[in-house]
Amino acid sequence: MATHVISPSRGRWRFVRYETDEPQPHVHVIFKAVSEQGERLNIRKATLREWREEFASHLRRVGVAANATPRFVRGETRPRKSDGIYRAARRGASIHLRDRIEAAAIALREADPAGDPAKLRIRETRRDLERGWLATGDALTSQGQSALADQTRQFVRNLPPARTVREWLMAGLVEQRRSRRVDSLEVAR
């Protein structure tokens, strides 16, 4: 369930808090990227990242526990889709997704996985990420925080597989076909 709070500043921003079973709230702040003159603002990803970090820093200064961790640090390796592509894919009508899947299938058949630069970068990033989290677990153990250290190590064990976009697309296609076969078998019964 989400609680929406619309800003009093003529709808320039919106605050959304999600009710979850977690002890910490999950909050999104959405703002309208339009200038006072009605022109669309071109905001770089790096700028958005800085804003998130600064916002979390301000919250911490006033006593609100907040962070702005990048997706990869949280172990999220699956790429994000634009809203239009996401909705078209859910309807089964995404030409973009179909073309990407076909290209991925061809590339996976022809490519040498050991020499794929994207796969090599992902593996290297994953190794660095795991080393960092495991070092954090070791530091927690040395500080007598064994339960938290165990949770940190469990987090590393439960990280999703490090895959390229092509591999995520192919895994999704395989899963989709598998579920269709199961559905058709259930209908046949």
Protein backbone atom coordinates (compact mmCIF):
# COMPACT_ATOMS: atom_id res chain seq x y z
CA MET A 1 0.00 0.00 0.00
CA ALA A 2 1.31 3.47 -0.85
CA THR A 3 0.60 6.77 0.81
CA HIS A 4 0.84 9.73 -1.61
CA VAL A 5 1.53 13.25 -0.45
CA ILE A 6 1.27 15.89 -3.15
CA SER A 7 3.39 18.96 -2.62
CA PRO A 8 1.81 22.31 -1.89
CA SER A 9 4.21 23.79 -4.46
CA ARG A 10 1.91 23.51 -7.49
CA GLY A 11 2.56 19.79 -8.05
CA ARG A 12 6.31 20.14 -8.60
CA TRP A 13 7.04 17.08 -6.49
CA ARG A 14 5.33 14.09 -4.94
CA PHE A 15 6.30 12.01 -1.95
CA VAL A 16 5.28 8.34 -1.89
CA ARG A 17 5.76 6.13 1.16
CA TYR A 18 5.16 2.39 0.85
CA GLU A 19 3.82 0.33 3.73
CA THR A 20 5.91 -2.83 4.05
CA ASP A 21 6.68 -5.43 6.68
CA GLU A 22 10.20 -4.00 6.94
CA PRO A 23 11.07 -1.85 9.96
CA GLN A 24 12.31 0.94 7.66
CA PRO A 25 9.92 2.84 5.39
CA HIS A 26 10.45 2.70 1.65
CA VAL A 27 10.08 6.18 0.20
CA HIS A 28 10.19 7.70 -3.27
CA VAL A 29 10.34 11.40 -4.02
CA ILE A 30 9.25 12.23 -7.54
CA PHE A 31 9.71 15.67 -9.02
CA LYS A 32 8.59 17.34 -12.21
CA ALA A 33 11.60 17.94 -14.44
CA VAL A 34 10.23 21.13 -16.00
CA SER A 35 11.57 24.65 -15.56
CA GLU A 36 9.48 27.66 -14.49
CA GLN A 37 9.19 28.49 -18.21
CA GLY A 38 7.77 25.06 -19.00
CA GLU A 39 10.95 23.70 -20.62
CA ARG A 40 11.98 20.11 -19.96
CA LEU A 41 15.09 19.91 -17.80
CA ASN A 42 17.88 17.60 -18.96
CA ILE A 43 19.13 16.08 -15.72
CA ARG A 44 22.09 13.72 -15.99
CA LYS A 45 22.16 10.40 -14.13
CA ALA A 46 25.21 11.53 -12.19
CA THR A 47 23.29 14.63 -11.03
CA LEU A 48 20.35 12.49 -9.89
CA ARG A 49 22.75 10.23 -7.99
CA GLU A 50 24.27 13.30 -6.27
CA TRP A 51 20.79 14.57 -5.36
CA ARG A 52 19.84 11.20 -3.86
CA GLU A 53 23.02 11.08 -1.80
CA GLU A 54 22.61 14.68 -0.63
CA PHE A 55 18.93 14.10 0.26
CA ALA A 56 19.85 11.03 2.32
CA SER A 57 22.61 13.03 4.01
CA HIS A 58 20.14 15.79 4.97
CA LEU A 59 17.74 13.21 6.38
CA ARG A 60 20.50 11.65 8.48
CA ARG A 61 21.42 15.10 9.87
CA VAL A 62 17.88 15.54 11.20
CA GLY A 63 17.81 12.07 12.72
CA VAL A 64 16.16 10.03 9.95
CA ALA A 65 18.05 6.87 9.02
CA ALA A 66 18.42 7.05 5.23
CA ASN A 67 20.73 5.82 2.54
CA ALA A 68 21.13 6.19 -1.21
CA THR A 69 22.95 3.03 -2.21
CA PRO A 70 23.40 2.30 -5.91
CA ARG A 71 21.51 -0.70 -7.28
CA PHE A 72 24.66 -2.75 -7.90
CA VAL A 73 25.76 -2.41 -4.26
CA ARG A 74 22.40 -3.88 -3.21
CA GLY A 75 23.09 -6.76 -5.60
CA GLU A 76 20.53 -5.70 -8.19
CA THR A 77 22.05 -6.56 -11.54
CA ARG A 78 18.95 -6.80 -13.66
CA PRO A 79 18.74 -3.81 -16.03
CA ARG A 80 15.79 -1.42 -15.79
CA LYS A 81 13.40 -0.96 -18.70
CA SER A 82 11.67 2.25 -19.69
CA ASP A 83 8.02 2.42 -18.65
CA GLY A 84 6.76 2.07 -22.23
CA ILE A 85 8.90 -0.99 -22.93
CA TYR A 86 7.92 -2.52 -19.58
CA ARG A 87 4.18 -2.06 -20.23
CA ALA A 88 4.41 -3.33 -23.82
CA ALA A 89 6.34 -6.39 -22.62
CA ARG A 90 3.68 -7.14 -20.00
CA ARG A 91 1.05 -7.07 -22.76
CA GLY A 92 3.29 -9.29 -24.92
CA ALA A 93 3.47 -6.54 -27.55
CA SER A 94 7.01 -5.22 -27.21
CA ILE A 95 8.70 -5.08 -30.60
CA HIS A 96 11.80 -3.69 -28.89
CA LEU A 97 11.97 -6.63 -26.50
CA ARG A 98 11.34 -9.17 -29.27
CA ASP A 99 14.16 -7.68 -31.36
CA ARG A 100 16.51 -7.67 -28.34
CA ILE A 101 15.69 -11.31 -27.57
CA GLU A 102 16.28 -12.38 -31.17
CA ALA A 103 19.60 -10.51 -31.27
CA ALA A 104 20.57 -12.00 -27.91
CA ALA A 105 19.80 -15.53 -29.10
CA ILE A 106 21.97 -15.07 -32.19
CA ALA A 107 24.80 -13.46 -30.21
CA LEU A 108 24.75 -16.19 -27.55
CA ARG A 109 24.91 -18.91 -30.20
CA GLU A 110 27.83 -17.25 -31.99
CA ALA A 111 29.76 -15.65 -29.14
CA ASP A 112 32.60 -17.00 -27.08
CA PRO A 113 31.38 -16.34 -23.50
CA ALA A 114 34.94 -16.23 -22.19
CA GLY A 115 35.74 -13.32 -24.51
CA ASP A 116 32.55 -11.27 -24.05
CA PRO A 117 33.70 -7.87 -22.72
CA ALA A 118 30.32 -7.19 -21.03
CA LYS A 119 30.44 -10.55 -19.25
CA LEU A 120 34.04 -9.96 -18.16
CA ARG A 121 33.11 -6.52 -16.72
CA ILE A 122 30.12 -7.95 -14.90
CA ARG A 123 32.21 -10.77 -13.40
CA GLU A 124 34.89 -8.30 -12.28
CA THR A 125 32.30 -5.98 -10.73
CA ARG A 126 30.65 -8.92 -8.97
CA ARG A 127 34.00 -10.11 -7.55
CA ASP A 128 34.72 -6.58 -6.26
CA LEU A 129 31.22 -6.31 -4.79
CA GLU A 130 31.48 -9.68 -3.02
CA ARG A 131 34.96 -8.86 -1.70
CA GLY A 132 33.65 -5.59 -0.28
CA TRP A 133 30.65 -7.19 1.44
CA LEU A 134 32.77 -10.06 2.79
CA ALA A 135 35.32 -7.56 4.13
CA THR A 136 32.42 -5.77 5.81
CA GLY A 137 31.37 -9.11 7.34
CA ASP A 138 34.92 -9.67 8.61
CA ALA A 139 35.00 -6.18 10.12
CA LEU A 140 31.66 -6.81 11.83
CA THR A 141 32.97 -10.11 13.24
CA SER A 142 36.06 -8.38 14.61
CA GLN A 143 33.78 -5.81 16.29
CA GLY A 144 31.75 -8.55 17.96
CA GLN A 145 28.75 -8.15 15.64
CA SER A 146 28.59 -11.81 14.63
CA ALA A 147 24.84 -11.86 13.88
CA LEU A 148 25.14 -8.87 11.55
CA ALA A 149 28.26 -10.41 10.00
CA ASP A 150 26.30 -13.62 9.32
CA GLN A 151 23.49 -11.60 7.71
CA THR A 152 26.06 -9.86 5.51
CA ARG A 153 27.53 -13.17 4.37
CA GLN A 154 24.02 -14.54 3.76
CA PHE A 155 23.30 -11.47 1.61
CA VAL A 156 26.36 -12.30 -0.53
CA ARG A 157 25.26 -15.95 -0.87
CA ASN A 158 21.77 -14.85 -1.98
CA LEU A 159 22.89 -12.35 -4.62
CA PRO A 160 21.20 -12.94 -7.97
CA PRO A 161 23.39 -14.28 -10.75
CA ALA A 162 25.64 -11.76 -12.48
CA ARG A 163 24.32 -11.75 -16.03
CA THR A 164 24.57 -9.54 -19.08
CA VAL A 165 21.43 -7.96 -20.54
CA ARG A 166 21.43 -10.68 -23.18
CA GLU A 167 21.60 -13.40 -20.55
CA TRP A 168 18.72 -11.81 -18.58
CA LEU A 169 16.64 -11.66 -21.77
CA MET A 170 17.36 -15.29 -22.61
CA ALA A 171 16.64 -16.44 -19.04
CA GLY A 172 13.33 -14.59 -19.15
CA LEU A 173 12.45 -16.17 -22.49
CA VAL A 174 13.31 -19.65 -21.24
CA GLU A 175 11.20 -19.10 -18.10
CA GLN A 176 8.31 -17.76 -20.17
CA ARG A 177 8.37 -20.79 -22.46
CA ARG A 178 8.63 -23.13 -19.46
CA SER A 179 5.58 -21.56 -17.80
CA ARG A 180 3.61 -21.71 -21.07
CA ARG A 181 4.37 -25.45 -21.32
CA VAL A 182 3.21 -25.98 -17.75
CA ASP A 183 0.05 -23.95 -18.43
CA SER A 184 -0.70 -25.96 -21.59
CA LEU A 185 -0.17 -29.23 -19.72
CA GLU A 186 -2.61 -28.12 -17.00
CA VAL A 187 -5.20 -27.14 -19.60
CA ALA A 188 -4.82 -30.53 -21.31
CA ARG A 189 -5.62 -32.39 -18.08
